[in-house]
Amino acid sequence: MKVEEVVKKALEKMEEGSLRQIYLIACGGSLNALYPAKLFLETESQKGMKVGYYTSNEFVHNTPKSLNPNNTLAIISSHLGETPESVEAAKLCREAGVPTIGFTDVKDSALAKYSDYIIDYTSGDVRDVRYDKITLGLKLAAELLHENEGYAYYDEFVESWEKIDGIVKQAQKQVQKRAEIYAEKHKDAPIIYTLGSGTGYSAAYAQSLCIFMEMQWMNSAAYHTGEFFHGPFEITDKNTPFMLFISEGTTRELDERAECFLDKYAEDVEILDAKELGLSILGEHVVTYFNFSLFNNVLIIYNNAIATVRNHPLSVRRYMWKVEY
């Protein structure tokens, strides 16, 4: 079902404008993919929309007492729709009478069983970026805000959403050679730190936790550039590698501050700049929300190169899905 259809069906069961709380619930990369939606709703709602952002197991064990079927909507994401903690969260929402949108790549799944509505997205290295879980999740947030209370820049958002796939495809070509050089240089790096802000922080977080640590078994840590100067920058030296995501939009100044510092005190810094990668053609009022969509898809090129030179496929796991945990 299309995002617009799901939103209309979900909201028509509520009194007009009565939606006051949206809970975004998932684990790992699926939760991180919803971060742009979180940031968008928190920033753009003029009526004080409450946005909960929960890892599924904490939602189950520390359930908000404000859950109310009359003003609350839950969006629960799981890539295969079988993450036990997320399925349990969906069950809990159903028992509470809270309408739930299941966000998954598999329509026929346990999550779908306990969801009132299902939105399926596309995945894989070759995909239309408009319909991957990050960008479609952001579109879902924009549609909810637009239908529930109105959104002044809705048309600008939709126009930008339509352009993002073309921007990404060009950017992927742009970084191909850089990615190969980076992979060869860093295949044996003892640690890599990632930095970003706004939705670009989502890219830093995903690259550190989901790629370097989970899929490559490399030590890594992600930091927000706004927090970098409040402790973490003390580890900076000429040999420590950093990957810095410079966003386009409202938080760019934070990333440029980190860039200036690293340019002076570090020597191993890989910079992915959204402006240089073409994102600045998007509408000025909405571009800040699309940084993760760009970075995440450009990183596909880097991550495939890293996996190749390390002879460590991205699908290999040591513990995940193999042992009890």
C-alpha atoms as a PDB file:
ATOM      1  CA  MET A   1       0.000   0.000   0.000  1.00  0.00           C
ATOM      2  CA  LYS A   2       1.299   3.470  -0.871  1.00  0.00           C
ATOM      3  CA  VAL A   3       2.391   5.780   1.909  1.00  0.00           C
ATOM      4  CA  GLU A   4      -0.300   8.344   1.084  1.00  0.00           C
ATOM      5  CA  GLU A   5      -3.022   5.679   1.257  1.00  0.00           C
ATOM      6  CA  VAL A   6      -1.786   4.300   4.563  1.00  0.00           C
ATOM      7  CA  VAL A   7      -1.683   7.760   6.119  1.00  0.00           C
ATOM      8  CA  LYS A   8      -5.210   8.620   5.007  1.00  0.00           C
ATOM      9  CA  LYS A   9      -6.603   5.303   6.283  1.00  0.00           C
ATOM     10  CA  ALA A  10      -4.808   5.600   9.615  1.00  0.00           C
ATOM     11  CA  LEU A  11      -5.913   9.180  10.210  1.00  0.00           C
ATOM     12  CA  GLU A  12      -9.508   8.811   9.055  1.00  0.00           C
ATOM     13  CA  LYS A  13     -10.175   6.716  12.161  1.00  0.00           C
ATOM     14  CA  MET A  14      -9.135   9.634  14.356  1.00  0.00           C
ATOM     15  CA  GLU A  15     -10.802  12.961  14.801  1.00  0.00           C
ATOM     16  CA  GLU A  16      -9.342  15.581  12.480  1.00  0.00           C
ATOM     17  CA  GLY A  17      -6.040  16.891  13.817  1.00  0.00           C
ATOM     18  CA  SER A  18      -6.205  14.643  16.882  1.00  0.00           C
ATOM     19  CA  LEU A  19      -2.914  12.827  16.273  1.00  0.00           C
ATOM     20  CA  ARG A  20      -0.596  14.066  19.015  1.00  0.00           C
ATOM     21  CA  GLN A  21       1.928  11.272  19.492  1.00  0.00           C
ATOM     22  CA  ILE A  22       3.979   9.190  17.072  1.00  0.00           C
ATOM     23  CA  TYR A  23       6.194   6.419  18.379  1.00  0.00           C
ATOM     24  CA  LEU A  24       9.023   5.207  16.135  1.00  0.00           C
ATOM     25  CA  ILE A  25      10.064   1.741  17.266  1.00  0.00           C
ATOM     26  CA  ALA A  26      12.712  -0.608  15.877  1.00  0.00           C
ATOM     27  CA  CYS A  27      16.175  -2.081  16.488  1.00  0.00           C
ATOM     28  CA  GLY A  28      19.625  -1.417  15.057  1.00  0.00           C
ATOM     29  CA  GLY A  29      19.729  -0.214  11.470  1.00  0.00           C
ATOM     30  CA  SER A  30      15.948  -0.215  11.208  1.00  0.00           C
ATOM     31  CA  LEU A  31      15.668   2.220  14.113  1.00  0.00           C
ATOM     32  CA  ASN A  32      18.476   4.379  12.768  1.00  0.00           C
ATOM     33  CA  ALA A  33      16.724   4.535   9.397  1.00  0.00           C
ATOM     34  CA  LEU A  34      13.797   6.256  11.139  1.00  0.00           C
ATOM     35  CA  TYR A  35      15.987   9.007  12.608  1.00  0.00           C
ATOM     36  CA  PRO A  36      15.325  11.466   9.731  1.00  0.00           C
ATOM     37  CA  ALA A  37      11.591  10.958  10.290  1.00  0.00           C
ATOM     38  CA  LYS A  38      12.081  11.674  13.990  1.00  0.00           C
ATOM     39  CA  LEU A  39      14.093  14.819  13.350  1.00  0.00           C
ATOM     40  CA  PHE A  40      11.625  16.012  10.719  1.00  0.00           C
ATOM     41  CA  LEU A  41       8.566  15.625  12.951  1.00  0.00           C
ATOM     42  CA  GLU A  42      10.222  17.174  15.988  1.00  0.00           C
ATOM     43  CA  THR A  43      11.396  20.159  13.965  1.00  0.00           C
ATOM     44  CA  GLU A  44       8.486  20.816  11.634  1.00  0.00           C
ATOM     45  CA  SER A  45       5.443  20.192  13.837  1.00  0.00           C
ATOM     46  CA  GLN A  46       3.997  23.527  14.946  1.00  0.00           C
ATOM     47  CA  LYS A  47       1.481  21.942  17.293  1.00  0.00           C
ATOM     48  CA  GLY A  48       3.941  20.191  19.571  1.00  0.00           C
ATOM     49  CA  MET A  49       3.779  16.684  18.144  1.00  0.00           C
ATOM     50  CA  LYS A  50       5.351  14.281  20.636  1.00  0.00           C
ATOM     51  CA  VAL A  51       7.791  11.930  18.932  1.00  0.00           C
ATOM     52  CA  GLY A  52       8.985   8.822  20.768  1.00  0.00           C
ATOM     53  CA  TYR A  53      12.093   7.104  19.402  1.00  0.00           C
ATOM     54  CA  TYR A  54      12.572   3.707  21.023  1.00  0.00           C
ATOM     55  CA  THR A  55      14.677   0.617  20.594  1.00  0.00           C
ATOM     56  CA  SER A  56      12.019  -2.099  20.603  1.00  0.00           C
ATOM     57  CA  ASN A  57      13.021  -4.001  23.707  1.00  0.00           C
ATOM     58  CA  GLU A  58      13.104  -0.844  25.812  1.00  0.00           C
ATOM     59  CA  PHE A  59       9.659   0.108  24.511  1.00  0.00           C
ATOM     60  CA  VAL A  60       8.379  -3.292  25.640  1.00  0.00           C
ATOM     61  CA  HIS A  61      10.000  -3.144  29.086  1.00  0.00           C
ATOM     62  CA  ASN A  62       9.619   0.597  29.727  1.00  0.00           C
ATOM     63  CA  THR A  63       6.359   1.286  27.929  1.00  0.00           C
ATOM     64  CA  PRO A  64       5.267   4.957  27.885  1.00  0.00           C
ATOM     65  CA  LYS A  65       2.196   5.435  30.043  1.00  0.00           C
ATOM     66  CA  SER A  66       0.967   8.082  27.607  1.00  0.00           C
ATOM     67  CA  LEU A  67       0.021   5.508  24.956  1.00  0.00           C
ATOM     68  CA  ASN A  68      -3.519   6.409  23.942  1.00  0.00           C
ATOM     69  CA  PRO A  69      -5.401   4.899  20.979  1.00  0.00           C
ATOM     70  CA  ASN A  70      -7.244   8.199  20.480  1.00  0.00           C
ATOM     71  CA  ASN A  71      -4.170  10.310  19.734  1.00  0.00           C
ATOM     72  CA  THR A  72      -1.252   7.926  19.165  1.00  0.00           C
ATOM     73  CA  LEU A  73       0.213   6.164  16.150  1.00  0.00           C
ATOM     74  CA  ALA A  74       3.033   3.600  16.293  1.00  0.00           C
ATOM     75  CA  ILE A  75       5.432   2.981  13.418  1.00  0.00           C
ATOM     76  CA  ILE A  76       7.367  -0.249  13.925  1.00  0.00           C
ATOM     77  CA  SER A  77      10.145  -1.284  11.568  1.00  0.00           C
ATOM     78  CA  SER A  78      11.902  -4.596  10.985  1.00  0.00           C
ATOM     79  CA  HIS A  79      13.721  -5.448   7.772  1.00  0.00           C
ATOM     80  CA  LEU A  80      12.487  -9.041   7.523  1.00  0.00           C
ATOM     81  CA  GLY A  81       9.541  -8.454   9.844  1.00  0.00           C
ATOM     82  CA  GLU A  82      10.727 -11.131  12.259  1.00  0.00           C
ATOM     83  CA  THR A  83      12.812  -9.222  14.838  1.00  0.00           C
ATOM     84  CA  PRO A  84      11.399 -10.710  18.088  1.00  0.00           C
ATOM     85  CA  GLU A  85      11.607  -7.485  20.092  1.00  0.00           C
ATOM     86  CA  SER A  86       9.852  -5.485  17.369  1.00  0.00           C
ATOM     87  CA  VAL A  87       7.126  -8.096  16.930  1.00  0.00           C
ATOM     88  CA  GLU A  88       6.570  -7.988  20.686  1.00  0.00           C
ATOM     89  CA  ALA A  89       6.287  -4.199  20.531  1.00  0.00           C
ATOM     90  CA  ALA A  90       3.655  -4.524  17.804  1.00  0.00           C
ATOM     91  CA  LYS A  91       1.722  -7.008  19.939  1.00  0.00           C
ATOM     92  CA  LEU A  92       1.826  -4.589  22.852  1.00  0.00           C
ATOM     93  CA  CYS A  93       0.500  -1.736  20.715  1.00  0.00           C
ATOM     94  CA  ARG A  94      -2.321  -3.907  19.423  1.00  0.00           C
ATOM     95  CA  GLU A  95      -3.302  -4.868  22.953  1.00  0.00           C
ATOM     96  CA  ALA A  96      -3.331  -1.167  23.857  1.00  0.00           C
ATOM     97  CA  GLY A  97      -5.542  -0.406  20.840  1.00  0.00           C
ATOM     98  CA  VAL A  98      -2.915   1.860  19.308  1.00  0.00           C
ATOM     99  CA  PRO A  99      -2.990   1.843  15.475  1.00  0.00           C
ATOM    100  CA  THR A 100       0.270   0.484  14.107  1.00  0.00           C
ATOM    101  CA  ILE A 101       2.074   0.863  10.792  1.00  0.00           C
ATOM    102  CA  GLY A 102       4.459  -1.999  10.078  1.00  0.00           C
ATOM    103  CA  PHE A 103       7.461  -0.875   8.072  1.00  0.00           C
ATOM    104  CA  THR A 104       9.203  -3.870   6.498  1.00  0.00           C
ATOM    105  CA  ASP A 105      10.700  -5.419   3.382  1.00  0.00           C
ATOM    106  CA  VAL A 106       8.523  -8.529   3.801  1.00  0.00           C
ATOM    107  CA  LYS A 107       4.746  -8.219   3.629  1.00  0.00           C
ATOM    108  CA  ASP A 108       4.035 -11.736   4.894  1.00  0.00           C
ATOM    109  CA  SER A 109       5.824 -11.646   8.243  1.00  0.00           C
ATOM    110  CA  ALA A 110       5.195 -11.758  11.982  1.00  0.00           C
ATOM    111  CA  LEU A 111       5.314  -7.961  12.135  1.00  0.00           C
ATOM    112  CA  ALA A 112       2.649  -7.749   9.439  1.00  0.00           C
ATOM    113  CA  LYS A 113       0.418 -10.030  11.508  1.00  0.00           C
ATOM    114  CA  TYR A 114       0.306  -7.524  14.353  1.00  0.00           C
ATOM    115  CA  SER A 115       0.229  -4.334  12.274  1.00  0.00           C
ATOM    116  CA  ASP A 116      -2.906  -2.534  11.141  1.00  0.00           C
ATOM    117  CA  TYR A 117      -1.174  -1.263   8.002  1.00  0.00           C
ATOM    118  CA  ILE A 118       1.936  -2.346   6.117  1.00  0.00           C
ATOM    119  CA  ILE A 119       4.365  -0.264   4.098  1.00  0.00           C
ATOM    120  CA  ASP A 120       7.005  -2.253   2.255  1.00  0.00           C
ATOM    121  CA  TYR A 121      10.183  -0.645   0.989  1.00  0.00           C
ATOM    122  CA  THR A 122      12.901  -1.643  -1.467  1.00  0.00           C
ATOM    123  CA  SER A 123      16.372  -2.839  -0.523  1.00  0.00           C
ATOM    124  CA  GLY A 124      19.524  -4.132  -2.172  1.00  0.00           C
ATOM    125  CA  ASP A 125      22.444  -2.292  -3.727  1.00  0.00           C
ATOM    126  CA  VAL A 126      20.473  -1.368  -6.861  1.00  0.00           C
ATOM    127  CA  ARG A 127      17.286   0.405  -5.860  1.00  0.00           C
ATOM    128  CA  ASP A 128      15.181   3.492  -6.320  1.00  0.00           C
ATOM    129  CA  VAL A 129      16.331   5.582  -3.364  1.00  0.00           C
ATOM    130  CA  ARG A 130      12.904   7.192  -3.026  1.00  0.00           C
ATOM    131  CA  TYR A 131      11.571   3.846  -1.836  1.00  0.00           C
ATOM    132  CA  ASP A 132      14.342   2.645   0.473  1.00  0.00           C
ATOM    133  CA  LYS A 133      13.556   2.520   4.186  1.00  0.00           C
ATOM    134  CA  ILE A 134      15.276   5.815   5.021  1.00  0.00           C
ATOM    135  CA  THR A 135      13.714   7.966   2.335  1.00  0.00           C
ATOM    136  CA  LEU A 136      10.313   6.309   2.422  1.00  0.00           C
ATOM    137  CA  GLY A 137      10.262   6.623   6.214  1.00  0.00           C
ATOM    138  CA  LEU A 138      10.939  10.334   5.800  1.00  0.00           C
ATOM    139  CA  LYS A 139       8.145  10.555   3.218  1.00  0.00           C
ATOM    140  CA  LEU A 140       5.815   8.849   5.692  1.00  0.00           C
ATOM    141  CA  ALA A 141       6.636  11.493   8.296  1.00  0.00           C
ATOM    142  CA  ALA A 142       5.979  14.315   5.813  1.00  0.00           C
ATOM    143  CA  GLU A 143       2.638  12.834   4.786  1.00  0.00           C
ATOM    144  CA  LEU A 144       1.555  12.399   8.405  1.00  0.00           C
ATOM    145  CA  LEU A 145       2.415  15.982   9.262  1.00  0.00           C
ATOM    146  CA  HIS A 146       0.800  17.343   6.104  1.00  0.00           C
ATOM    147  CA  GLU A 147      -2.457  15.461   6.632  1.00  0.00           C
ATOM    148  CA  ASN A 148      -2.654  15.973  10.389  1.00  0.00           C
ATOM    149  CA  GLU A 149      -1.799  19.661  10.801  1.00  0.00           C
ATOM    150  CA  GLY A 150      -0.505  20.948   7.464  1.00  0.00           C
ATOM    151  CA  TYR A 151       3.068  21.463   6.278  1.00  0.00           C
ATOM    152  CA  ALA A 152       4.025  24.735   4.590  1.00  0.00           C
ATOM    153  CA  TYR A 153       6.840  23.190   2.551  1.00  0.00           C
ATOM    154  CA  TYR A 154       5.043  20.030   1.485  1.00  0.00           C
ATOM    155  CA  ASP A 155       5.293  20.719  -2.251  1.00  0.00           C
ATOM    156  CA  GLU A 156       8.984  21.555  -1.894  1.00  0.00           C
ATOM    157  CA  PHE A 157       9.480  18.325   0.011  1.00  0.00           C
ATOM    158  CA  VAL A 158       7.757  16.178  -2.609  1.00  0.00           C
ATOM    159  CA  GLU A 159       9.721  17.833  -5.410  1.00  0.00           C
ATOM    160  CA  SER A 160      12.969  17.141  -3.545  1.00  0.00           C
ATOM    161  CA  TRP A 161      11.914  13.578  -2.772  1.00  0.00           C
ATOM    162  CA  GLU A 162      11.427  13.010  -6.502  1.00  0.00           C
ATOM    163  CA  LYS A 163      14.982  14.213  -7.230  1.00  0.00           C
ATOM    164  CA  ILE A 164      16.929  12.256  -4.617  1.00  0.00           C
ATOM    165  CA  ASP A 165      17.378   9.059  -6.627  1.00  0.00           C
ATOM    166  CA  GLY A 166      19.054  10.867  -9.528  1.00  0.00           C
ATOM    167  CA  ILE A 167      21.359  12.747  -7.163  1.00  0.00           C
ATOM    168  CA  VAL A 168      22.422   9.536  -5.457  1.00  0.00           C
ATOM    169  CA  LYS A 169      23.106   7.661  -8.681  1.00  0.00           C
ATOM    170  CA  GLN A 170      25.420  10.439  -9.869  1.00  0.00           C
ATOM    171  CA  ALA A 171      27.149  10.660  -6.482  1.00  0.00           C
ATOM    172  CA  GLN A 172      27.793   6.920  -6.464  1.00  0.00           C
ATOM    173  CA  LYS A 173      29.687   7.238  -9.738  1.00  0.00           C
ATOM    174  CA  GLN A 174      31.542  10.239  -8.345  1.00  0.00           C
ATOM    175  CA  VAL A 175      32.992   8.330  -5.366  1.00  0.00           C
ATOM    176  CA  GLN A 176      33.818   4.991  -7.007  1.00  0.00           C
ATOM    177  CA  LYS A 177      37.565   5.529  -7.347  1.00  0.00           C
ATOM    178  CA  ARG A 178      37.829   7.283  -3.965  1.00  0.00           C
ATOM    179  CA  ALA A 179      36.091   4.355  -2.304  1.00  0.00           C
ATOM    180  CA  GLU A 180      38.523   1.837  -3.776  1.00  0.00           C
ATOM    181  CA  ILE A 181      41.523   3.875  -2.586  1.00  0.00           C
ATOM    182  CA  TYR A 182      39.972   4.294   0.863  1.00  0.00           C
ATOM    183  CA  ALA A 183      39.276   0.578   1.211  1.00  0.00           C
ATOM    184  CA  GLU A 184      42.819  -0.409   0.333  1.00  0.00           C
ATOM    185  CA  LYS A 185      44.316   2.124   2.730  1.00  0.00           C
ATOM    186  CA  HIS A 186      42.058   1.232   5.671  1.00  0.00           C
ATOM    187  CA  LYS A 187      41.577  -2.511   5.306  1.00  0.00           C
ATOM    188  CA  ASP A 188      43.640  -3.142   8.429  1.00  0.00           C
ATOM    189  CA  ALA A 189      42.784   0.015  10.406  1.00  0.00           C
ATOM    190  CA  PRO A 190      42.717  -0.723  14.167  1.00  0.00           C
ATOM    191  CA  ILE A 191      39.791   1.696  14.612  1.00  0.00           C
ATOM    192  CA  ILE A 192      37.812   4.226  12.567  1.00  0.00           C
ATOM    193  CA  TYR A 193      35.796   7.071  14.091  1.00  0.00           C
ATOM    194  CA  THR A 194      32.785   8.484  12.261  1.00  0.00           C
ATOM    195  CA  LEU A 195      31.340  11.988  12.689  1.00  0.00           C
ATOM    196  CA  GLY A 196      28.208  13.800  11.532  1.00  0.00           C
ATOM    197  CA  SER A 197      25.261  15.978  12.559  1.00  0.00           C
ATOM    198  CA  GLY A 198      21.551  16.155  11.871  1.00  0.00           C
ATOM    199  CA  THR A 199      20.514  13.263   9.660  1.00  0.00           C
ATOM    200  CA  GLY A 200      24.182  13.006   8.704  1.00  0.00           C
ATOM    201  CA  TYR A 201      24.755  11.697  12.224  1.00  0.00           C
ATOM    202  CA  SER A 202      22.538   8.767  11.220  1.00  0.00           C
ATOM    203  CA  ALA A 203      25.082   8.001   8.498  1.00  0.00           C
ATOM    204  CA  ALA A 204      27.951   8.158  10.987  1.00  0.00           C
ATOM    205  CA  TYR A 205      26.066   5.887  13.386  1.00  0.00           C
ATOM    206  CA  ALA A 206      25.068   3.347  10.728  1.00  0.00           C
ATOM    207  CA  GLN A 207      28.554   3.179   9.240  1.00  0.00           C
ATOM    208  CA  SER A 208      30.131   2.627  12.635  1.00  0.00           C
ATOM    209  CA  LEU A 209      27.690   0.141  14.153  1.00  0.00           C
ATOM    210  CA  CYS A 210      26.152  -1.648  11.184  1.00  0.00           C
ATOM    211  CA  ILE A 211      29.098  -1.775   8.779  1.00  0.00           C
ATOM    212  CA  PHE A 212      32.452  -1.453  10.530  1.00  0.00           C
ATOM    213  CA  MET A 213      31.419  -3.342  13.684  1.00  0.00           C
ATOM    214  CA  GLU A 214      28.645  -5.705  12.601  1.00  0.00           C
ATOM    215  CA  MET A 215      29.578  -6.515   9.022  1.00  0.00           C
ATOM    216  CA  GLN A 216      33.367  -6.114   9.102  1.00  0.00           C
ATOM    217  CA  TRP A 217      34.282  -6.778  12.757  1.00  0.00           C
ATOM    218  CA  MET A 218      36.319  -3.571  12.864  1.00  0.00           C
ATOM    219  CA  ASN A 219      36.534  -1.380  15.955  1.00  0.00           C
ATOM    220  CA  SER A 220      34.670   1.871  15.519  1.00  0.00           C
ATOM    221  CA  ALA A 221      32.680   4.569  17.305  1.00  0.00           C
ATOM    222  CA  ALA A 222      30.311   7.271  16.073  1.00  0.00           C
ATOM    223  CA  TYR A 223      30.122  10.814  17.456  1.00  0.00           C
ATOM    224  CA  HIS A 224      27.900  13.789  16.812  1.00  0.00           C
ATOM    225  CA  THR A 225      29.981  16.749  15.630  1.00  0.00           C
ATOM    226  CA  GLY A 226      28.141  18.879  18.170  1.00  0.00           C
ATOM    227  CA  GLU A 227      29.522  16.653  20.925  1.00  0.00           C
ATOM    228  CA  PHE A 228      32.957  16.070  19.414  1.00  0.00           C
ATOM    229  CA  PHE A 229      34.489  19.049  21.198  1.00  0.00           C
ATOM    230  CA  HIS A 230      33.118  17.976  24.556  1.00  0.00           C
ATOM    231  CA  GLY A 231      35.484  15.070  25.097  1.00  0.00           C
ATOM    232  CA  PRO A 232      36.064  12.826  22.068  1.00  0.00           C
ATOM    233  CA  PHE A 233      38.337  15.250  20.183  1.00  0.00           C
ATOM    234  CA  GLU A 234      41.093  14.506  22.714  1.00  0.00           C
ATOM    235  CA  ILE A 235      41.889  11.237  20.887  1.00  0.00           C
ATOM    236  CA  THR A 236      42.747  13.123  17.669  1.00  0.00           C
ATOM    237  CA  ASP A 237      46.251  12.604  16.296  1.00  0.00           C
ATOM    238  CA  LYS A 238      48.018  12.242  12.962  1.00  0.00           C
ATOM    239  CA  ASN A 239      47.440   8.490  12.686  1.00  0.00           C
ATOM    240  CA  THR A 240      43.851   7.988  13.860  1.00  0.00           C
ATOM    241  CA  PRO A 241      41.392   7.641  10.949  1.00  0.00           C
ATOM    242  CA  PHE A 242      38.163   9.639  10.813  1.00  0.00           C
ATOM    243  CA  MET A 243      35.229   9.558   8.411  1.00  0.00           C
ATOM    244  CA  LEU A 244      33.431  12.916   8.463  1.00  0.00           C
ATOM    245  CA  PHE A 245      29.990  13.481   6.949  1.00  0.00           C
ATOM    246  CA  ILE A 246      29.417  17.154   6.156  1.00  0.00           C
ATOM    247  CA  SER A 247      25.689  17.735   5.806  1.00  0.00           C
ATOM    248  CA  GLU A 248      23.915  20.248   3.651  1.00  0.00           C
ATOM    249  CA  GLY A 249      21.342  22.386   5.449  1.00  0.00           C
ATOM    250  CA  THR A 250      20.805  23.605   8.962  1.00  0.00           C
ATOM    251  CA  THR A 251      23.600  21.792  10.822  1.00  0.00           C
ATOM    252  CA  ARG A 252      26.400  22.226   8.283  1.00  0.00           C
ATOM    253  CA  GLU A 253      28.204  24.705  10.545  1.00  0.00           C
ATOM    254  CA  LEU A 254      28.724  21.974  13.162  1.00  0.00           C
ATOM    255  CA  ASP A 255      30.408  19.693  10.639  1.00  0.00           C
ATOM    256  CA  GLU A 256      32.577  22.461   9.205  1.00  0.00           C
ATOM    257  CA  ARG A 257      33.828  23.245  12.701  1.00  0.00           C
ATOM    258  CA  ALA A 258      34.946  19.613  13.052  1.00  0.00           C
ATOM    259  CA  GLU A 259      36.500  19.761   9.595  1.00  0.00           C
ATOM    260  CA  CYS A 260      38.601  22.805  10.555  1.00  0.00           C
ATOM    261  CA  PHE A 261      39.879  21.083  13.687  1.00  0.00           C
ATOM    262  CA  LEU A 262      40.683  17.810  11.931  1.00  0.00           C
ATOM    263  CA  ASP A 263      42.391  19.659   9.098  1.00  0.00           C
ATOM    264  CA  LYS A 264      44.780  21.124  11.674  1.00  0.00           C
ATOM    265  CA  TYR A 265      45.395  18.166  13.980  1.00  0.00           C
ATOM    266  CA  ALA A 266      44.644  15.007  11.977  1.00  0.00           C
ATOM    267  CA  GLU A 267      45.949  13.597   8.712  1.00  0.00           C
ATOM    268  CA  ASP A 268      43.722  10.615   8.002  1.00  0.00           C
ATOM    269  CA  VAL A 269      40.271  12.099   7.347  1.00  0.00           C
ATOM    270  CA  GLU A 270      37.832  10.892   4.703  1.00  0.00           C
ATOM    271  CA  ILE A 271      35.287  13.627   4.008  1.00  0.00           C
ATOM    272  CA  LEU A 272      31.942  13.049   2.347  1.00  0.00           C
ATOM    273  CA  ASP A 273      30.421  16.470   1.681  1.00  0.00           C
ATOM    274  CA  ALA A 274      26.745  16.501   0.704  1.00  0.00           C
ATOM    275  CA  LYS A 275      27.188  19.771  -1.171  1.00  0.00           C
ATOM    276  CA  GLU A 276      30.007  18.369  -3.305  1.00  0.00           C
ATOM    277  CA  LEU A 277      27.904  15.255  -3.922  1.00  0.00           C
ATOM    278  CA  GLY A 278      25.054  17.311  -5.386  1.00  0.00           C
ATOM    279  CA  LEU A 279      22.476  17.555  -2.613  1.00  0.00           C
ATOM    280  CA  SER A 280      22.286  21.353  -2.684  1.00  0.00           C
ATOM    281  CA  ILE A 281      19.910  21.337  -5.663  1.00  0.00           C
ATOM    282  CA  LEU A 282      17.130  20.252  -3.295  1.00  0.00           C
ATOM    283  CA  GLY A 283      14.794  22.817  -1.715  1.00  0.00           C
ATOM    284  CA  GLU A 284      16.449  24.936   0.952  1.00  0.00           C
ATOM    285  CA  HIS A 285      13.697  24.298   3.512  1.00  0.00           C
ATOM    286  CA  VAL A 286      13.920  20.499   3.258  1.00  0.00           C
ATOM    287  CA  VAL A 287      17.445  19.594   2.109  1.00  0.00           C
ATOM    288  CA  THR A 288      18.658  19.009   5.667  1.00  0.00           C
ATOM    289  CA  TYR A 289      16.423  15.941   5.985  1.00  0.00           C
ATOM    290  CA  PHE A 290      17.872  14.161   2.934  1.00  0.00           C
ATOM    291  CA  ASN A 291      21.521  13.942   3.999  1.00  0.00           C
ATOM    292  CA  PHE A 292      21.222  10.399   5.342  1.00  0.00           C
ATOM    293  CA  SER A 293      19.489   9.235   2.152  1.00  0.00           C
ATOM    294  CA  LEU A 294      22.460  10.493   0.166  1.00  0.00           C
ATOM    295  CA  PHE A 295      25.241   9.332   2.478  1.00  0.00           C
ATOM    296  CA  ASN A 296      23.800   5.886   3.159  1.00  0.00           C
ATOM    297  CA  ASN A 297      23.553   5.077  -0.529  1.00  0.00           C
ATOM    298  CA  VAL A 298      26.961   6.524  -1.385  1.00  0.00           C
ATOM    299  CA  LEU A 299      28.397   4.357   1.388  1.00  0.00           C
ATOM    300  CA  ILE A 300      27.239   1.277  -0.505  1.00  0.00           C
ATOM    301  CA  ILE A 301      30.138   1.934  -2.876  1.00  0.00           C
ATOM    302  CA  TYR A 302      32.615   2.287   0.004  1.00  0.00           C
ATOM    303  CA  ASN A 303      31.343  -0.748   1.861  1.00  0.00           C
ATOM    304  CA  ASN A 304      31.436  -3.083  -1.110  1.00  0.00           C
ATOM    305  CA  ALA A 305      35.009  -1.974  -1.765  1.00  0.00           C
ATOM    306  CA  ILE A 306      35.970  -2.538   1.883  1.00  0.00           C
ATOM    307  CA  ALA A 307      34.382  -5.993   1.920  1.00  0.00           C
ATOM    308  CA  THR A 308      36.224  -6.919  -1.281  1.00  0.00           C
ATOM    309  CA  VAL A 309      39.731  -5.917  -0.180  1.00  0.00           C
ATOM    310  CA  ARG A 310      39.224  -7.500   3.265  1.00  0.00           C
ATOM    311  CA  ASN A 311      37.775 -10.666   1.718  1.00  0.00           C
ATOM    312  CA  HIS A 312      34.982 -10.377   4.254  1.00  0.00           C
ATOM    313  CA  PRO A 313      31.497 -10.357   2.643  1.00  0.00           C
ATOM    314  CA  LEU A 314      28.995  -7.985   4.222  1.00  0.00           C
ATOM    315  CA  SER A 315      26.664 -10.930   4.808  1.00  0.00           C
ATOM    316  CA  VAL A 316      29.046 -12.788   7.144  1.00  0.00           C
ATOM    317  CA  ARG A 317      28.231 -12.840  10.870  1.00  0.00           C
ATOM    318  CA  ARG A 318      29.949 -14.407  13.867  1.00  0.00           C
ATOM    319  CA  TYR A 319      27.017 -14.411  16.313  1.00  0.00           C
ATOM    320  CA  MET A 320      23.949 -12.812  14.699  1.00  0.00           C
ATOM    321  CA  TRP A 321      21.282 -15.418  13.845  1.00  0.00           C
ATOM    322  CA  LYS A 322      23.765 -18.177  14.805  1.00  0.00           C
ATOM    323  CA  VAL A 323      23.744 -18.339  18.600  1.00  0.00           C
ATOM    324  CA  GLU A 324      21.254 -17.642  21.344  1.00  0.00           C
ATOM    325  CA  TYR A 325      21.370 -14.025  22.535  1.00  0.00           C
END
